[in-house]
Amino acid sequence: MRVWVIYALPHEQYLEQLDVPEGTTAAEAVQMSGLPEAHPDIDLNVNKLGIFAKLVKGDQVLKEDERVEIYRSLPRKPRDAHAVDDKKERIRARKERRNASS
C-alpha cells in the first residue's frame, strides 16, 4: 500500500513516499519514513499528525494514497501576531502625533 509522509519547515519541505503493509498506523508510517531520525525536533508525543489537513491520532490506520502530515508548533498564533503588530502600530502612530504637535 502506498502512502506519503510530509514534514514542512519554513524553507524546506520533506515528502517521503512509502510502501507499507495494510494496517499500518500514522505513527508507524512516520517512524518508517526516517524523518524523526533526520529531524530530532519531531517528537510524536508533542507533534500532532494529520491526514489531508484533518487531525488524527497516531493509532489511525492508513488507507491507500493517504498523506500523513507532521505538524510543528508555531512560535505564536497568527491572530496573536496580528494583534501585537496592530498594537505596535497604534503606539507608533500615537508617538508620531505627540511629536508632531510639540
PDB file of N, CA and C in Angstrom:
ATOM      1  N   MET A   1       0.854  -1.169   0.000  1.00  0.00           N
ATOM      2  CA  MET A   1       0.000   0.000   0.000  1.00  0.00           C
ATOM      3  C   MET A   1       0.902   1.234   0.000  1.00  0.00           C
ATOM      4  N   ARG A   2       0.575   2.215  -0.819  1.00  0.00           N
ATOM      5  CA  ARG A   2       1.396   3.418  -0.936  1.00  0.00           C
ATOM      6  C   ARG A   2       0.805   4.551  -0.090  1.00  0.00           C
ATOM      7  N   VAL A   3       1.661   5.206   0.714  1.00  0.00           N
ATOM      8  CA  VAL A   3       1.283   6.388   1.498  1.00  0.00           C
ATOM      9  C   VAL A   3       2.430   7.387   1.441  1.00  0.00           C
ATOM     10  N   TRP A   4       2.166   8.605   1.856  1.00  0.00           N
ATOM     11  CA  TRP A   4       3.188   9.641   1.928  1.00  0.00           C
ATOM     12  C   TRP A   4       3.271  10.173   3.350  1.00  0.00           C
ATOM     13  N   VAL A   5       4.462  10.618   3.714  1.00  0.00           N
ATOM     14  CA  VAL A   5       4.676  11.298   4.994  1.00  0.00           C
ATOM     15  C   VAL A   5       5.307  12.643   4.655  1.00  0.00           C
ATOM     16  N   ILE A   6       4.734  13.702   5.201  1.00  0.00           N
ATOM     17  CA  ILE A   6       5.171  15.060   4.871  1.00  0.00           C
ATOM     18  C   ILE A   6       5.525  15.814   6.149  1.00  0.00           C
ATOM     19  N   TYR A   7       6.620  16.565   6.059  1.00  0.00           N
ATOM     20  CA  TYR A   7       7.036  17.446   7.152  1.00  0.00           C
ATOM     21  C   TYR A   7       7.527  18.738   6.518  1.00  0.00           C
ATOM     22  N   ALA A   8       6.956  19.858   6.920  1.00  0.00           N
ATOM     23  CA  ALA A   8       7.310  21.140   6.317  1.00  0.00           C
ATOM     24  C   ALA A   8       7.945  22.067   7.345  1.00  0.00           C
ATOM     25  N   LEU A   9       9.086  22.611   6.976  1.00  0.00           N
ATOM     26  CA  LEU A   9       9.768  23.647   7.739  1.00  0.00           C
ATOM     27  C   LEU A   9       9.579  24.956   6.986  1.00  0.00           C
ATOM     28  N   PRO A  10       9.941  26.093   7.565  1.00  0.00           N
ATOM     29  CA  PRO A  10       9.707  27.367   6.867  1.00  0.00           C
ATOM     30  C   PRO A  10      10.309  27.438   5.455  1.00  0.00           C
ATOM     31  N   HIS A  11      11.470  26.850   5.259  1.00  0.00           N
ATOM     32  CA  HIS A  11      12.119  26.973   3.951  1.00  0.00           C
ATOM     33  C   HIS A  11      12.422  25.632   3.303  1.00  0.00           C
ATOM     34  N   GLU A  12      11.924  24.552   3.882  1.00  0.00           N
ATOM     35  CA  GLU A  12      12.160  23.221   3.327  1.00  0.00           C
ATOM     36  C   GLU A  12      10.933  22.347   3.568  1.00  0.00           C
ATOM     37  N   GLN A  13      10.656  21.465   2.615  1.00  0.00           N
ATOM     38  CA  GLN A  13       9.580  20.507   2.770  1.00  0.00           C
ATOM     39  C   GLN A  13      10.145  19.119   2.491  1.00  0.00           C
ATOM     40  N   TYR A  14       9.685  18.169   3.254  1.00  0.00           N
ATOM     41  CA  TYR A  14      10.132  16.793   3.094  1.00  0.00           C
ATOM     42  C   TYR A  14       8.921  15.926   2.777  1.00  0.00           C
ATOM     43  N   LEU A  15       9.021  15.179   1.703  1.00  0.00           N
ATOM     44  CA  LEU A  15       7.949  14.304   1.257  1.00  0.00           C
ATOM     45  C   LEU A  15       8.541  12.926   1.023  1.00  0.00           C
ATOM     46  N   GLU A  16       8.076  11.963   1.785  1.00  0.00           N
ATOM     47  CA  GLU A  16       8.566  10.592   1.661  1.00  0.00           C
ATOM     48  C   GLU A  16       7.417   9.701   1.207  1.00  0.00           C
ATOM     49  N   GLN A  17       7.617   9.022   0.076  1.00  0.00           N
ATOM     50  CA  GLN A  17       6.633   8.039  -0.376  1.00  0.00           C
ATOM     51  C   GLN A  17       7.063   6.681   0.160  1.00  0.00           C
ATOM     52  N   LEU A  18       6.106   5.965   0.741  1.00  0.00           N
ATOM     53  CA  LEU A  18       6.410   4.669   1.351  1.00  0.00           C
ATOM     54  C   LEU A  18       5.463   3.598   0.838  1.00  0.00           C
ATOM     55  N   ASP A  19       5.978   2.399   0.752  1.00  0.00           N
ATOM     56  CA  ASP A  19       5.139   1.218   0.550  1.00  0.00           C
ATOM     57  C   ASP A  19       5.064   0.532   1.903  1.00  0.00           C
ATOM     58  N   VAL A  20       3.858   0.511   2.471  1.00  0.00           N
ATOM     59  CA  VAL A  20       3.677  -0.035   3.812  1.00  0.00           C
ATOM     60  C   VAL A  20       2.655  -1.166   3.767  1.00  0.00           C
ATOM     61  N   PRO A  21       2.707  -2.077   4.731  1.00  0.00           N
ATOM     62  CA  PRO A  21       1.710  -3.150   4.772  1.00  0.00           C
ATOM     63  C   PRO A  21       0.342  -2.622   5.204  1.00  0.00           C
ATOM     64  N   GLU A  22      -0.698  -3.316   4.804  1.00  0.00           N
ATOM     65  CA  GLU A  22      -2.056  -2.982   5.260  1.00  0.00           C
ATOM     66  C   GLU A  22      -2.067  -2.964   6.791  1.00  0.00           C
ATOM     67  N   GLY A  23      -2.831  -2.053   7.363  1.00  0.00           N
ATOM     68  CA  GLY A  23      -2.935  -1.974   8.814  1.00  0.00           C
ATOM     69  C   GLY A  23      -1.892  -1.076   9.463  1.00  0.00           C
ATOM     70  N   THR A  24      -1.041  -0.435   8.660  1.00  0.00           N
ATOM     71  CA  THR A  24      -0.027   0.476   9.211  1.00  0.00           C
ATOM     72  C   THR A  24      -0.713   1.721   9.756  1.00  0.00           C
ATOM     73  N   THR A  25      -0.261   2.174  10.921  1.00  0.00           N
ATOM     74  CA  THR A  25      -0.833   3.377  11.528  1.00  0.00           C
ATOM     75  C   THR A  25      -0.049   4.610  11.100  1.00  0.00           C
ATOM     76  N   ALA A  26      -0.624   5.767  11.383  1.00  0.00           N
ATOM     77  CA  ALA A  26       0.032   7.028  11.035  1.00  0.00           C
ATOM     78  C   ALA A  26       1.386   7.147  11.737  1.00  0.00           C
ATOM     79  N   ALA A  27       1.444   6.813  13.022  1.00  0.00           N
ATOM     80  CA  ALA A  27       2.704   6.904  13.772  1.00  0.00           C
ATOM     81  C   ALA A  27       3.740   5.924  13.231  1.00  0.00           C
ATOM     82  N   GLU A  28       3.307   4.738  12.860  1.00  0.00           N
ATOM     83  CA  GLU A  28       4.243   3.759  12.295  1.00  0.00           C
ATOM     84  C   GLU A  28       4.812   4.247  10.968  1.00  0.00           C
ATOM     85  N   ALA A  29       3.965   4.859  10.147  1.00  0.00           N
ATOM     86  CA  ALA A  29       4.431   5.391   8.857  1.00  0.00           C
ATOM     87  C   ALA A  29       5.460   6.494   9.076  1.00  0.00           C
ATOM     88  N   VAL A  30       5.225   7.348  10.066  1.00  0.00           N
ATOM     89  CA  VAL A  30       6.191   8.413  10.361  1.00  0.00           C
ATOM     90  C   VAL A  30       7.531   7.796  10.751  1.00  0.00           C
ATOM     91  N   GLN A  31       7.499   6.790  11.600  1.00  0.00           N
ATOM     92  CA  GLN A  31       8.744   6.122  12.009  1.00  0.00           C
ATOM     93  C   GLN A  31       9.431   5.469  10.815  1.00  0.00           C
ATOM     94  N   MET A  32       8.654   4.817   9.947  1.00  0.00           N
ATOM     95  CA  MET A  32       9.217   4.149   8.771  1.00  0.00           C
ATOM     96  C   MET A  32       9.847   5.138   7.790  1.00  0.00           C
ATOM     97  N   SER A  33       9.353   6.377   7.797  1.00  0.00           N
ATOM     98  CA  SER A  33       9.838   7.377   6.845  1.00  0.00           C
ATOM     99  C   SER A  33      11.276   7.799   7.124  1.00  0.00           C
ATOM    100  N   GLY A  34      11.723   7.640   8.371  1.00  0.00           N
ATOM    101  CA  GLY A  34      13.070   8.072   8.742  1.00  0.00           C
ATOM    102  C   GLY A  34      13.161   9.551   9.070  1.00  0.00           C
ATOM    103  N   LEU A  35      12.057  10.282   8.949  1.00  0.00           N
ATOM    104  CA  LEU A  35      12.085  11.719   9.247  1.00  0.00           C
ATOM    105  C   LEU A  35      12.417  12.033  10.707  1.00  0.00           C
ATOM    106  N   PRO A  36      11.929  11.249  11.692  1.00  0.00           N
ATOM    107  CA  PRO A  36      12.306  11.565  13.079  1.00  0.00           C
ATOM    108  C   PRO A  36      13.808  11.464  13.336  1.00  0.00           C
ATOM    109  N   GLU A  37      14.493  10.570  12.638  1.00  0.00           N
ATOM    110  CA  GLU A  37      15.948  10.468  12.812  1.00  0.00           C
ATOM    111  C   GLU A  37      16.651  11.649  12.139  1.00  0.00           C
ATOM    112  N   ALA A  38      16.152  12.064  10.993  1.00  0.00           N
ATOM    113  CA  ALA A  38      16.758  13.179  10.263  1.00  0.00           C
ATOM    114  C   ALA A  38      16.440  14.531  10.904  1.00  0.00           C
ATOM    115  N   HIS A  39      15.316  14.598  11.628  1.00  0.00           N
ATOM    116  CA  HIS A  39      14.885  15.847  12.268  1.00  0.00           C
ATOM    117  C   HIS A  39      14.536  15.559  13.722  1.00  0.00           C
ATOM    118  N   PRO A  40      15.509  15.686  14.612  1.00  0.00           N
ATOM    119  CA  PRO A  40      15.276  15.361  16.028  1.00  0.00           C
ATOM    120  C   PRO A  40      14.182  16.202  16.686  1.00  0.00           C
ATOM    121  N   ASP A  41      13.784  17.322  16.060  1.00  0.00           N
ATOM    122  CA  ASP A  41      12.717  18.141  16.636  1.00  0.00           C
ATOM    123  C   ASP A  41      11.347  17.475  16.495  1.00  0.00           C
ATOM    124  N   ILE A  42      11.252  16.406  15.695  1.00  0.00           N
ATOM    125  CA  ILE A  42       9.994  15.668  15.583  1.00  0.00           C
ATOM    126  C   ILE A  42       9.873  14.732  16.778  1.00  0.00           C
ATOM    127  N   ASP A  43       8.831  14.950  17.564  1.00  0.00           N
ATOM    128  CA  ASP A  43       8.540  14.112  18.725  1.00  0.00           C
ATOM    129  C   ASP A  43       7.062  13.757  18.650  1.00  0.00           C
ATOM    130  N   LEU A  44       6.759  12.506  18.400  1.00  0.00           N
ATOM    131  CA  LEU A  44       5.365  12.110  18.220  1.00  0.00           C
ATOM    132  C   LEU A  44       4.533  12.258  19.487  1.00  0.00           C
ATOM    133  N   ASN A  45       5.185  12.495  20.633  1.00  0.00           N
ATOM    134  CA  ASN A  45       4.441  12.799  21.854  1.00  0.00           C
ATOM    135  C   ASN A  45       4.033  14.272  21.897  1.00  0.00           C
ATOM    136  N   VAL A  46       4.684  15.092  21.072  1.00  0.00           N
ATOM    137  CA  VAL A  46       4.423  16.532  21.052  1.00  0.00           C
ATOM    138  C   VAL A  46       3.767  16.953  19.742  1.00  0.00           C
ATOM    139  N   ASN A  47       4.371  16.570  18.623  1.00  0.00           N
ATOM    140  CA  ASN A  47       3.860  16.966  17.311  1.00  0.00           C
ATOM    141  C   ASN A  47       2.539  16.262  17.015  1.00  0.00           C
ATOM    142  N   LYS A  48       1.621  17.024  16.460  1.00  0.00           N
ATOM    143  CA  LYS A  48       0.339  16.443  16.065  1.00  0.00           C
ATOM    144  C   LYS A  48       0.463  15.900  14.649  1.00  0.00           C
ATOM    145  N   LEU A  49      -0.403  14.962  14.318  1.00  0.00           N
ATOM    146  CA  LEU A  49      -0.426  14.363  12.991  1.00  0.00           C
ATOM    147  C   LEU A  49      -1.768  14.647  12.340  1.00  0.00           C
ATOM    148  N   GLY A  50      -1.743  14.672  11.023  1.00  0.00           N
ATOM    149  CA  GLY A  50      -2.971  14.859  10.275  1.00  0.00           C
ATOM    150  C   GLY A  50      -2.937  14.051   8.999  1.00  0.00           C
ATOM    151  N   ILE A  51      -4.108  13.842   8.442  1.00  0.00           N
ATOM    152  CA  ILE A  51      -4.238  13.229   7.127  1.00  0.00           C
ATOM    153  C   ILE A  51      -5.055  14.200   6.298  1.00  0.00           C
ATOM    154  N   PHE A  52      -4.433  14.732   5.258  1.00  0.00           N
ATOM    155  CA  PHE A  52      -5.071  15.733   4.393  1.00  0.00           C
ATOM    156  C   PHE A  52      -5.684  16.858   5.231  1.00  0.00           C
ATOM    157  N   ALA A  53      -4.885  17.427   6.136  1.00  0.00           N
ATOM    158  CA  ALA A  53      -5.228  18.602   6.948  1.00  0.00           C
ATOM    159  C   ALA A  53      -6.298  18.336   8.011  1.00  0.00           C
ATOM    160  N   LYS A  54      -6.573  17.086   8.315  1.00  0.00           N
ATOM    161  CA  LYS A  54      -7.515  16.757   9.384  1.00  0.00           C
ATOM    162  C   LYS A  54      -6.733  16.036  10.474  1.00  0.00           C
ATOM    163  N   LEU A  55      -6.806  16.546  11.712  1.00  0.00           N
ATOM    164  CA  LEU A  55      -6.065  15.942  12.813  1.00  0.00           C
ATOM    165  C   LEU A  55      -6.480  14.499  13.044  1.00  0.00           C
ATOM    166  N   VAL A  56      -5.472  13.655  13.278  1.00  0.00           N
ATOM    167  CA  VAL A  56      -5.718  12.247  13.598  1.00  0.00           C
ATOM    168  C   VAL A  56      -4.791  11.845  14.733  1.00  0.00           C
ATOM    169  N   LYS A  57      -5.112  10.749  15.377  1.00  0.00           N
ATOM    170  CA  LYS A  57      -4.232  10.194  16.409  1.00  0.00           C
ATOM    171  C   LYS A  57      -3.215   9.278  15.744  1.00  0.00           C
ATOM    172  N   GLY A  58      -2.139   9.019  16.438  1.00  0.00           N
ATOM    173  CA  GLY A  58      -1.080   8.174  15.897  1.00  0.00           C
ATOM    174  C   GLY A  58      -1.517   6.766  15.579  1.00  0.00           C
ATOM    175  N   ASP A  59      -2.585   6.302  16.243  1.00  0.00           N
ATOM    176  CA  ASP A  59      -3.038   4.930  16.004  1.00  0.00           C
ATOM    177  C   ASP A  59      -4.049   4.824  14.857  1.00  0.00           C
ATOM    178  N   GLN A  60      -4.237   5.916  14.129  1.00  0.00           N
ATOM    179  CA  GLN A  60      -5.133   5.910  12.965  1.00  0.00           C
ATOM    180  C   GLN A  60      -4.564   4.981  11.894  1.00  0.00           C
ATOM    181  N   VAL A  61      -5.349   3.995  11.470  1.00  0.00           N
ATOM    182  CA  VAL A  61      -4.922   3.061  10.423  1.00  0.00           C
ATOM    183  C   VAL A  61      -5.041   3.758   9.076  1.00  0.00           C
ATOM    184  N   LEU A  62      -3.986   3.654   8.274  1.00  0.00           N
ATOM    185  CA  LEU A  62      -3.930   4.353   6.989  1.00  0.00           C
ATOM    186  C   LEU A  62      -4.602   3.565   5.877  1.00  0.00           C
ATOM    187  N   LYS A  63      -5.046   4.332   4.873  1.00  0.00           N
ATOM    188  CA  LYS A  63      -5.615   3.748   3.661  1.00  0.00           C
ATOM    189  C   LYS A  63      -4.692   4.096   2.494  1.00  0.00           C
ATOM    190  N   GLU A  64      -4.871   3.413   1.403  1.00  0.00           N
ATOM    191  CA  GLU A  64      -4.082   3.637   0.187  1.00  0.00           C
ATOM    192  C   GLU A  64      -4.094   5.118  -0.198  1.00  0.00           C
ATOM    193  N   ASP A  65      -2.908   5.640  -0.548  1.00  0.00           N
ATOM    194  CA  ASP A  65      -2.709   7.004  -1.054  1.00  0.00           C
ATOM    195  C   ASP A  65      -2.988   8.108  -0.042  1.00  0.00           C
ATOM    196  N   GLU A  66      -3.019   7.796   1.255  1.00  0.00           N
ATOM    197  CA  GLU A  66      -3.201   8.860   2.240  1.00  0.00           C
ATOM    198  C   GLU A  66      -1.871   9.563   2.501  1.00  0.00           C
ATOM    199  N   ARG A  67      -1.977  10.808   2.913  1.00  0.00           N
ATOM    200  CA  ARG A  67      -0.804  11.642   3.181  1.00  0.00           C
ATOM    201  C   ARG A  67      -0.797  11.989   4.664  1.00  0.00           C
ATOM    202  N   VAL A  68       0.196  11.477   5.385  1.00  0.00           N
ATOM    203  CA  VAL A  68       0.345  11.779   6.807  1.00  0.00           C
ATOM    204  C   VAL A  68       1.175  13.046   6.920  1.00  0.00           C
ATOM    205  N   GLU A  69       0.635  14.030   7.603  1.00  0.00           N
ATOM    206  CA  GLU A  69       1.325  15.306   7.782  1.00  0.00           C
ATOM    207  C   GLU A  69       1.778  15.431   9.229  1.00  0.00           C
ATOM    208  N   ILE A  70       3.024  15.814   9.409  1.00  0.00           N
ATOM    209  CA  ILE A  70       3.566  16.044  10.754  1.00  0.00           C
ATOM    210  C   ILE A  70       3.511  17.543  10.983  1.00  0.00           C
ATOM    211  N   TYR A  71       2.753  17.963  11.982  1.00  0.00           N
ATOM    212  CA  TYR A  71       2.592  19.388  12.262  1.00  0.00           C
ATOM    213  C   TYR A  71       3.597  19.830  13.312  1.00  0.00           C
ATOM    214  N   ARG A  72       4.202  20.957  13.071  1.00  0.00           N
ATOM    215  CA  ARG A  72       5.114  21.534  14.059  1.00  0.00           C
ATOM    216  C   ARG A  72       4.391  22.688  14.736  1.00  0.00           C
ATOM    217  N   SER A  73       4.800  23.013  15.934  1.00  0.00           N
ATOM    218  CA  SER A  73       4.145  24.106  16.642  1.00  0.00           C
ATOM    219  C   SER A  73       4.612  25.433  16.058  1.00  0.00           C
ATOM    220  N   LEU A  74       3.705  26.365  16.029  1.00  0.00           N
ATOM    221  CA  LEU A  74       4.040  27.696  15.542  1.00  0.00           C
ATOM    222  C   LEU A  74       4.559  28.515  16.713  1.00  0.00           C
ATOM    223  N   PRO A  75       5.484  29.443  16.458  1.00  0.00           N
ATOM    224  CA  PRO A  75       6.024  30.242  17.549  1.00  0.00           C
ATOM    225  C   PRO A  75       4.951  31.084  18.238  1.00  0.00           C
ATOM    226  N   ARG A  76       3.987  31.551  17.481  1.00  0.00           N
ATOM    227  CA  ARG A  76       2.839  32.245  18.062  1.00  0.00           C
ATOM    228  C   ARG A  76       1.686  32.133  17.079  1.00  0.00           C
ATOM    229  N   LYS A  77       0.489  32.245  17.596  1.00  0.00           N
ATOM    230  CA  LYS A  77      -0.686  32.104  16.748  1.00  0.00           C
ATOM    231  C   LYS A  77      -0.771  33.300  15.799  1.00  0.00           C
ATOM    232  N   PRO A  78      -1.171  33.079  14.561  1.00  0.00           N
ATOM    233  CA  PRO A  78      -1.270  34.193  13.610  1.00  0.00           C
ATOM    234  C   PRO A  78      -2.150  35.335  14.111  1.00  0.00           C
ATOM    235  N   ARG A  79      -3.252  35.005  14.780  1.00  0.00           N
ATOM    236  CA  ARG A  79      -4.131  36.056  15.285  1.00  0.00           C
ATOM    237  C   ARG A  79      -3.396  36.893  16.333  1.00  0.00           C
ATOM    238  N   ASP A  80      -2.624  36.235  17.212  1.00  0.00           N
ATOM    239  CA  ASP A  80      -1.862  36.953  18.225  1.00  0.00           C
ATOM    240  C   ASP A  80      -0.790  37.819  17.573  1.00  0.00           C
ATOM    241  N   ALA A  81      -0.173  37.313  16.532  1.00  0.00           N
ATOM    242  CA  ALA A  81       0.865  38.070  15.837  1.00  0.00           C
ATOM    243  C   ALA A  81       0.281  39.350  15.263  1.00  0.00           C
ATOM    244  N   HIS A  82      -0.906  39.261  14.661  1.00  0.00           N
ATOM    245  CA  HIS A  82      -1.543  40.463  14.107  1.00  0.00           C
ATOM    246  C   HIS A  82      -1.907  41.440  15.208  1.00  0.00           C
ATOM    247  N   ALA A  83      -2.401  40.944  16.323  1.00  0.00           N
ATOM    248  CA  ALA A  83      -2.779  41.815  17.434  1.00  0.00           C
ATOM    249  C   ALA A  83      -1.558  42.567  17.962  1.00  0.00           C
ATOM    250  N   VAL A  84      -0.431  41.892  18.099  1.00  0.00           N
ATOM    251  CA  VAL A  84       0.797  42.542  18.569  1.00  0.00           C
ATOM    252  C   VAL A  84       1.256  43.586  17.565  1.00  0.00           C
ATOM    253  N   ASP A  85       1.233  43.228  16.285  1.00  0.00           N
ATOM    254  CA  ASP A  85       1.649  44.185  15.255  1.00  0.00           C
ATOM    255  C   ASP A  85       0.726  45.404  15.228  1.00  0.00           C
ATOM    256  N   ASP A  86      -0.583  45.176  15.376  1.00  0.00           N
ATOM    257  CA  ASP A  86      -1.536  46.295  15.394  1.00  0.00           C
ATOM    258  C   ASP A  86      -1.280  47.204  16.592  1.00  0.00           C
ATOM    259  N   LYS A  87      -1.010  46.616  17.757  1.00  0.00           N
ATOM    260  CA  LYS A  87      -0.755  47.422  18.951  1.00  0.00           C
ATOM    261  C   LYS A  87       0.509  48.259  18.771  1.00  0.00           C
ATOM    262  N   LYS A  88       1.565  47.667  18.202  1.00  0.00           N
ATOM    263  CA  LYS A  88       2.802  48.420  17.961  1.00  0.00           C
ATOM    264  C   LYS A  88       2.538  49.584  17.012  1.00  0.00           C
ATOM    265  N   GLU A  89       1.722  49.346  15.987  1.00  0.00           N
ATOM    266  CA  GLU A  89       1.401  50.398  15.020  1.00  0.00           C
ATOM    267  C   GLU A  89       0.623  51.532  15.699  1.00  0.00           C
ATOM    268  N   ARG A  90      -0.326  51.203  16.585  1.00  0.00           N
ATOM    269  CA  ARG A  90      -1.084  52.248  17.291  1.00  0.00           C
ATOM    270  C   ARG A  90      -0.173  53.067  18.204  1.00  0.00           C
ATOM    271  N   ILE A  91       0.756  52.399  18.893  1.00  0.00           N
ATOM    272  CA  ILE A  91       1.689  53.110  19.778  1.00  0.00           C
ATOM    273  C   ILE A  91       2.587  54.026  18.964  1.00  0.00           C
ATOM    274  N   ARG A  92       3.108  53.531  17.823  1.00  0.00           N
ATOM    275  CA  ARG A  92       3.965  54.340  16.964  1.00  0.00           C
ATOM    276  C   ARG A  92       3.212  55.566  16.441  1.00  0.00           C
ATOM    277  N   ALA A  93       1.961  55.366  16.010  1.00  0.00           N
ATOM    278  CA  ALA A  93       1.162  56.470  15.481  1.00  0.00           C
ATOM    279  C   ALA A  93       0.888  57.503  16.574  1.00  0.00           C
ATOM    280  N   ARG A  94       0.616  57.061  17.800  1.00  0.00           N
ATOM    281  CA  ARG A  94       0.361  57.969  18.914  1.00  0.00           C
ATOM    282  C   ARG A  94       1.599  58.816  19.208  1.00  0.00           C
ATOM    283  N   LYS A  95       2.792  58.163  19.207  1.00  0.00           N
ATOM    284  CA  LYS A  95       4.041  58.900  19.450  1.00  0.00           C
ATOM    285  C   LYS A  95       4.290  59.927  18.356  1.00  0.00           C
ATOM    286  N   GLU A  96       4.005  59.554  17.114  1.00  0.00           N
ATOM    287  CA  GLU A  96       4.205  60.495  15.998  1.00  0.00           C
ATOM    288  C   GLU A  96       3.273  61.700  16.121  1.00  0.00           C
ATOM    289  N   ARG A  97       2.015  61.459  16.528  1.00  0.00           N
ATOM    290  CA  ARG A  97       1.076  62.566  16.705  1.00  0.00           C
ATOM    291  C   ARG A  97       1.532  63.504  17.811  1.00  0.00           C
ATOM    292  N   ARG A  98       2.040  62.901  18.925  1.00  0.00           N
ATOM    293  CA  ARG A  98       2.532  63.732  20.030  1.00  0.00           C
ATOM    294  C   ARG A  98       3.728  64.560  19.597  1.00  0.00           C
ATOM    295  N   ASN A  99       4.659  63.953  18.882  1.00  0.00           N
ATOM    296  CA  ASN A  99       5.843  64.674  18.427  1.00  0.00           C
ATOM    297  C   ASN A  99       5.513  65.749  17.412  1.00  0.00           C
ATOM    298  N   ALA A 100       4.496  65.515  16.588  1.00  0.00           N
ATOM    299  CA  ALA A 100       4.094  66.488  15.570  1.00  0.00           C
ATOM    300  C   ALA A 100       3.427  67.700  16.217  1.00  0.00           C
ATOM    301  N   SER A 101       2.717  67.489  17.327  1.00  0.00           N
ATOM    302  CA  SER A 101       2.018  68.598  17.980  1.00  0.00           C
ATOM    303  C   SER A 101       2.921  69.378  18.927  1.00  0.00           C
ATOM    304  N   SER A 102       4.112  68.881  19.188  1.00  0.00           N
ATOM    305  CA  SER A 102       5.027  69.574  20.117  1.00  0.00           C
ATOM    306  C   SER A 102       5.774  70.682  19.482  1.00  0.00           C
TER     307      SER A 102
END
